[in-house]
């Protein structure tokens, strides 16, 4: 039996975030400004925390169920 575990990165690039949250780049930056998504900088590169993407999608799902 093969027990493989999916390893997900904790940080994704802006492009990676845009694949998961299908919005325009301007809207993505707006989500940073409102605190709905969290970005971090490493040197000159910008990343989005996977945790904030997951929480954002969960909040949308929860709102849709109401």
C-alpha atoms as a PDB file:
ATOM      1  CA  UNK A   1       0.000   0.000   0.000  1.00  0.00           C
ATOM      2  CA  UNK A   2       1.404   3.383  -1.025  1.00  0.00           C
ATOM      3  CA  UNK A   3       1.072   6.067   1.639  1.00  0.00           C
ATOM      4  CA  UNK A   4       2.005   9.292  -0.090  1.00  0.00           C
ATOM      5  CA  UNK A   5       1.449  12.594   1.588  1.00  0.00           C
ATOM      6  CA  UNK A   6       0.932  15.762  -0.374  1.00  0.00           C
ATOM      7  CA  UNK A   7       3.488  18.342   0.669  1.00  0.00           C
ATOM      8  CA  UNK A   8       2.174  21.854   0.227  1.00  0.00           C
ATOM      9  CA  UNK A   9       4.441  24.870   0.397  1.00  0.00           C
ATOM     10  CA  UNK A  10       3.738  27.356   3.180  1.00  0.00           C
ATOM     11  CA  UNK A  11       4.536  30.253   0.860  1.00  0.00           C
ATOM     12  CA  UNK A  12       3.441  30.670  -2.748  1.00  0.00           C
ATOM     13  CA  UNK A  13       4.386  33.233  -5.356  1.00  0.00           C
ATOM     14  CA  UNK A  14       1.972  35.927  -6.469  1.00  0.00           C
ATOM     15  CA  UNK A  15       1.395  33.902  -9.642  1.00  0.00           C
ATOM     16  CA  UNK A  16       0.734  30.795  -7.559  1.00  0.00           C
ATOM     17  CA  UNK A  17      -1.788  32.714  -5.460  1.00  0.00           C
ATOM     18  CA  UNK A  18      -3.518  33.943  -8.615  1.00  0.00           C
ATOM     19  CA  UNK A  19      -3.958  30.322  -9.692  1.00  0.00           C
ATOM     20  CA  UNK A  20      -5.640  29.470  -6.389  1.00  0.00           C
ATOM     21  CA  UNK A  21      -7.693  32.659  -6.032  1.00  0.00           C
ATOM     22  CA  UNK A  22      -8.817  33.453  -9.579  1.00  0.00           C
ATOM     23  CA  UNK A  23      -8.922  37.239  -9.388  1.00  0.00           C
ATOM     24  CA  UNK A  24      -7.021  39.973 -11.178  1.00  0.00           C
ATOM     25  CA  UNK A  25      -3.664  41.037  -9.780  1.00  0.00           C
ATOM     26  CA  UNK A  26      -5.117  44.386  -8.647  1.00  0.00           C
ATOM     27  CA  UNK A  27      -7.817  42.621  -6.608  1.00  0.00           C
ATOM     28  CA  UNK A  28      -5.171  40.347  -5.058  1.00  0.00           C
ATOM     29  CA  UNK A  29      -3.209  43.383  -3.879  1.00  0.00           C
ATOM     30  CA  UNK A  30      -6.453  44.829  -2.536  1.00  0.00           C
ATOM     31  CA  UNK A  31      -6.898  41.660  -0.463  1.00  0.00           C
ATOM     32  CA  UNK A  32      -3.436  42.308   1.003  1.00  0.00           C
ATOM     33  CA  UNK A  33      -4.448  45.877   1.853  1.00  0.00           C
ATOM     34  CA  UNK A  34      -7.611  44.735   3.663  1.00  0.00           C
ATOM     35  CA  UNK A  35      -5.725  42.016   5.534  1.00  0.00           C
ATOM     36  CA  UNK A  36      -7.717  39.186   3.950  1.00  0.00           C
ATOM     37  CA  UNK A  37      -4.495  37.734   2.533  1.00  0.00           C
ATOM     38  CA  UNK A  38      -1.018  37.898   4.047  1.00  0.00           C
ATOM     39  CA  UNK A  39       2.094  38.636   2.015  1.00  0.00           C
ATOM     40  CA  UNK A  40       5.682  38.324   3.107  1.00  0.00           C
ATOM     41  CA  UNK A  41       8.868  39.574   1.497  1.00  0.00           C
ATOM     42  CA  UNK A  42      12.094  37.627   1.251  1.00  0.00           C
ATOM     43  CA  UNK A  43      14.619  39.973  -0.227  1.00  0.00           C
ATOM     44  CA  UNK A  44      12.928  41.483  -3.258  1.00  0.00           C
ATOM     45  CA  UNK A  45      10.518  38.576  -3.767  1.00  0.00           C
ATOM     46  CA  UNK A  46       6.930  38.661  -2.559  1.00  0.00           C
ATOM     47  CA  UNK A  47       5.087  35.558  -1.398  1.00  0.00           C
ATOM     48  CA  UNK A  48       1.595  34.848  -0.082  1.00  0.00           C
ATOM     49  CA  UNK A  49       1.099  32.584   2.907  1.00  0.00           C
ATOM     50  CA  UNK A  50      -0.772  29.414   2.022  1.00  0.00           C
ATOM     51  CA  UNK A  51      -2.496  29.631   5.400  1.00  0.00           C
ATOM     52  CA  UNK A  52      -4.054  32.990   4.492  1.00  0.00           C
ATOM     53  CA  UNK A  53      -5.189  31.657   1.100  1.00  0.00           C
ATOM     54  CA  UNK A  54      -6.820  28.652   2.774  1.00  0.00           C
ATOM     55  CA  UNK A  55      -8.503  30.869   5.392  1.00  0.00           C
ATOM     56  CA  UNK A  56      -9.772  33.253   2.715  1.00  0.00           C
ATOM     57  CA  UNK A  57     -11.281  30.433   0.660  1.00  0.00           C
ATOM     58  CA  UNK A  58     -12.806  28.903   3.818  1.00  0.00           C
ATOM     59  CA  UNK A  59     -14.400  32.271   4.674  1.00  0.00           C
ATOM     60  CA  UNK A  60     -15.925  32.498   1.200  1.00  0.00           C
ATOM     61  CA  UNK A  61     -17.266  28.974   1.495  1.00  0.00           C
ATOM     62  CA  UNK A  62     -18.734  29.664   4.941  1.00  0.00           C
ATOM     63  CA  UNK A  63     -20.385  32.888   3.697  1.00  0.00           C
ATOM     64  CA  UNK A  64     -21.906  31.043   0.746  1.00  0.00           C
ATOM     65  CA  UNK A  65     -23.516  28.492   3.078  1.00  0.00           C
ATOM     66  CA  UNK A  66     -25.386  31.147   5.072  1.00  0.00           C
END
